[in-house]
Amino acid sequence: MVHGKASGSGADHHAKAMDERNRKDFHHKFTTLRFRALSEHGEWLGRRDIIPT
C-alpha cells in the first residue's frame, strides 16, 4: 500500500506522507479503517448500483 501501484508523477505521494508521519507523528496513535458497504439505497450524483455485487 505504501509503495502503490501507479507510476508517473505523483505516484510516490503516499510513501512520502508515510515517511513524514513516521518522522513527526501528529497524533500519538494512528488507525486505518476500511469499511465494506452492506447495502445501497437511493442515488448519489444521479447514480445507482454503485456497490459491486
Protein backbone atom coordinates (compact mmCIF):
# COMPACT_ATOMS: atom_id res chain seq x y z
CA MET A 1 0.00 0.00 0.00
CA VAL A 2 2.77 2.45 0.81
CA HIS A 3 4.53 1.87 -2.49
CA GLY A 4 1.32 1.96 -4.51
CA LYS A 5 0.61 0.51 -7.94
CA ALA A 6 0.74 3.68 -10.03
CA SER A 7 3.66 5.03 -11.96
CA GLY A 8 4.34 8.55 -13.18
CA SER A 9 4.21 11.91 -11.47
CA GLY A 10 2.64 11.85 -8.04
CA ALA A 11 2.91 8.08 -7.62
CA ASP A 12 5.13 8.47 -4.54
CA HIS A 13 2.93 10.91 -2.60
CA HIS A 14 1.60 8.26 -0.23
CA ALA A 15 5.07 6.88 0.52
CA LYS A 16 6.32 10.41 1.27
CA ALA A 17 3.34 11.04 3.56
CA MET A 18 4.02 7.82 5.47
CA ASP A 19 7.71 8.77 5.85
CA GLU A 20 6.69 12.19 7.22
CA ARG A 21 4.21 10.59 9.63
CA ASN A 22 6.96 8.33 10.93
CA ARG A 23 9.35 11.29 11.26
CA LYS A 24 6.93 13.57 13.14
CA ASP A 25 3.73 11.92 14.24
CA PHE A 26 0.92 14.46 14.53
CA HIS A 27 -1.21 12.10 16.61
CA HIS A 28 0.14 9.70 19.17
CA LYS A 29 -1.97 6.88 17.71
CA PHE A 30 -2.75 6.02 14.10
CA THR A 31 -5.53 3.82 12.70
CA THR A 32 -6.51 2.92 9.17
CA LEU A 33 -10.04 1.59 8.78
CA ARG A 34 -11.77 0.11 5.75
CA PHE A 35 -15.49 -0.48 5.57
CA ARG A 36 -17.49 -2.69 3.26
CA ALA A 37 -20.95 -1.44 2.30
CA LEU A 38 -23.72 -3.82 3.30
CA SER A 39 -26.45 -2.29 1.17
CA GLU A 40 -27.24 0.67 -1.05
CA HIS A 41 -30.33 2.87 -1.00
CA GLY A 42 -31.20 5.81 -3.24
CA GLU A 43 -28.92 7.75 -5.58
CA TRP A 44 -25.67 9.66 -5.36
CA LEU A 45 -24.91 12.23 -8.05
CA GLY A 46 -27.64 10.64 -10.15
CA ARG A 47 -26.02 7.19 -9.97
CA ARG A 48 -27.44 3.91 -8.67
CA ASP A 49 -25.96 0.43 -8.23
CA ILE A 50 -22.51 1.75 -7.33
CA ILE A 51 -21.67 -1.14 -5.00
CA PRO A 52 -20.38 -4.16 -6.94
CA THR A 53 -22.22 -7.41 -6.33
